[in-house]
Amino acid sequence: RTVGPDDRRAARLAAVAPLPAEEPAAQETGPDLGAILRRFRADTHFTQQDLSDLLGFSQPYVSLLERGKRTIRDVTQLRRIARLLGLPETAVGLLPLAA
C-alpha cells in the first residue's frame, strides 16, 4: 500500500473534534494511549492501517499499542503523536512546557 496524501482521510481528520485533554480515570493513572488511539480511530472511522500511515508506524505496532502490549515513553514521539492527532500534549501524559 502506497503512503501518501489521501483526501478522504484528510477530510475525516479535519472533521473530528479534538478529544478532551483528560478523562477522569486518566487523572489517577495517567492517560491510556491505547484508548486514545482507539477513540481517535472510532471518531475518524480510520482503520489501524490508516492510523499507522498517519503516525508512521506499522499496523501491527498500532495494534500492540491499542491493546496495551507496547508503550511509548519517548517524549519526542508522544509530542509527535499528540500533534498529528490534534491533541494537547497533556492528553498523552506530558506536562505543559514551562513558560
Protein backbone atom coordinates (compact mmCIF):
# COMPACT_ATOMS: atom_id res chain seq x y z
CA ARG A 1 0.00 0.00 0.00
CA THR A 2 1.40 3.36 -1.01
CA VAL A 3 1.55 6.00 1.70
CA GLY A 4 0.69 9.46 0.50
CA PRO A 5 -1.87 12.21 0.76
CA ASP A 6 -5.40 10.90 0.85
CA ASP A 7 -8.16 13.48 0.50
CA ARG A 8 -10.76 11.28 2.21
CA ARG A 9 -8.50 10.66 5.20
CA ALA A 10 -7.65 14.35 5.47
CA ALA A 11 -11.34 15.27 5.31
CA ARG A 12 -12.20 12.78 8.05
CA LEU A 13 -9.36 14.07 10.20
CA ALA A 14 -10.41 17.69 9.72
CA ALA A 15 -13.99 16.87 10.69
CA VAL A 16 -13.06 15.37 14.06
CA ALA A 17 -13.35 17.49 17.17
CA PRO A 18 -10.30 17.23 19.44
CA LEU A 19 -10.56 14.72 22.25
CA PRO A 20 -10.87 16.04 25.80
CA ALA A 21 -7.46 16.65 27.38
CA GLU A 22 -8.18 14.30 30.25
CA GLU A 23 -10.72 11.72 31.21
CA PRO A 24 -11.48 11.24 34.91
CA ALA A 25 -9.59 7.94 35.14
CA ALA A 26 -6.58 9.47 33.39
CA GLN A 27 -6.01 11.79 36.33
CA GLU A 28 -5.29 8.85 38.65
CA THR A 29 -3.26 6.50 36.47
CA GLY A 30 -2.21 8.65 33.54
CA PRO A 31 -3.66 8.58 30.05
CA ASP A 32 -4.12 5.27 28.27
CA LEU A 33 -2.51 5.79 24.86
CA GLY A 34 -4.21 2.66 23.53
CA ALA A 35 -7.64 4.01 24.48
CA ILE A 36 -6.76 7.38 22.95
CA LEU A 37 -5.77 5.72 19.67
CA ARG A 38 -8.91 3.52 19.63
CA ARG A 39 -11.15 6.52 20.31
CA PHE A 40 -9.42 8.56 17.62
CA ARG A 41 -9.96 5.72 15.13
CA ALA A 42 -13.60 5.39 16.11
CA ASP A 43 -14.19 9.14 15.78
CA THR A 44 -12.44 9.38 12.40
CA HIS A 45 -13.53 5.97 11.03
CA PHE A 46 -9.84 5.22 10.45
CA THR A 47 -8.61 1.67 10.14
CA GLN A 48 -5.50 0.63 12.02
CA GLN A 49 -3.71 0.88 8.67
CA ASP A 50 -4.93 4.48 8.20
CA LEU A 51 -3.64 5.35 11.67
CA SER A 52 -0.35 3.57 11.08
CA ASP A 53 0.12 5.54 7.85
CA LEU A 54 -0.59 8.81 9.68
CA LEU A 55 1.76 8.05 12.57
CA GLY A 56 4.47 6.32 10.54
CA PHE A 57 4.18 3.06 12.50
CA SER A 58 3.39 -0.41 11.23
CA GLN A 59 -0.18 -1.67 11.57
CA PRO A 60 0.89 -4.49 13.93
CA TYR A 61 2.62 -1.92 16.16
CA VAL A 62 -0.56 0.21 16.28
CA SER A 63 -2.46 -2.93 17.28
CA LEU A 64 0.03 -3.62 20.09
CA LEU A 65 -0.25 -0.01 21.30
CA GLU A 66 -4.05 -0.16 21.29
CA ARG A 67 -4.05 -3.41 23.29
CA GLY A 68 -1.54 -2.09 25.82
CA LYS A 69 1.11 -4.61 24.80
CA ARG A 70 3.54 -1.80 23.90
CA THR A 71 4.04 1.61 25.43
CA ILE A 72 5.73 4.75 24.22
CA ARG A 73 7.79 6.63 26.77
CA ASP A 74 9.82 8.76 24.38
CA VAL A 75 8.76 12.39 24.88
CA THR A 76 9.52 13.33 21.28
CA GLN A 77 7.31 10.51 19.96
CA LEU A 78 4.48 11.40 22.37
CA ARG A 79 4.64 15.07 21.27
CA ARG A 80 4.56 13.98 17.63
CA ILE A 81 1.55 11.72 18.21
CA ALA A 82 -0.31 14.49 20.05
CA ARG A 83 0.41 16.93 17.22
CA LEU A 84 -0.64 14.50 14.48
CA LEU A 85 -3.87 13.61 16.30
CA GLY A 86 -4.66 17.25 17.10
CA LEU A 87 -4.48 16.71 20.86
CA PRO A 88 -2.92 18.79 23.61
CA GLU A 89 0.31 17.21 24.85
CA THR A 90 -1.26 16.70 28.27
CA ALA A 91 -3.69 14.23 26.66
CA VAL A 92 -0.81 11.81 26.05
CA GLY A 93 0.65 12.26 29.52
CA LEU A 94 3.10 15.10 29.00
CA LEU A 95 3.34 18.04 31.36
CA PRO A 96 2.82 21.50 29.90
CA LEU A 97 6.02 23.29 28.95
CA ALA A 98 7.16 25.88 31.48
CA ALA A 99 6.95 29.46 30.26
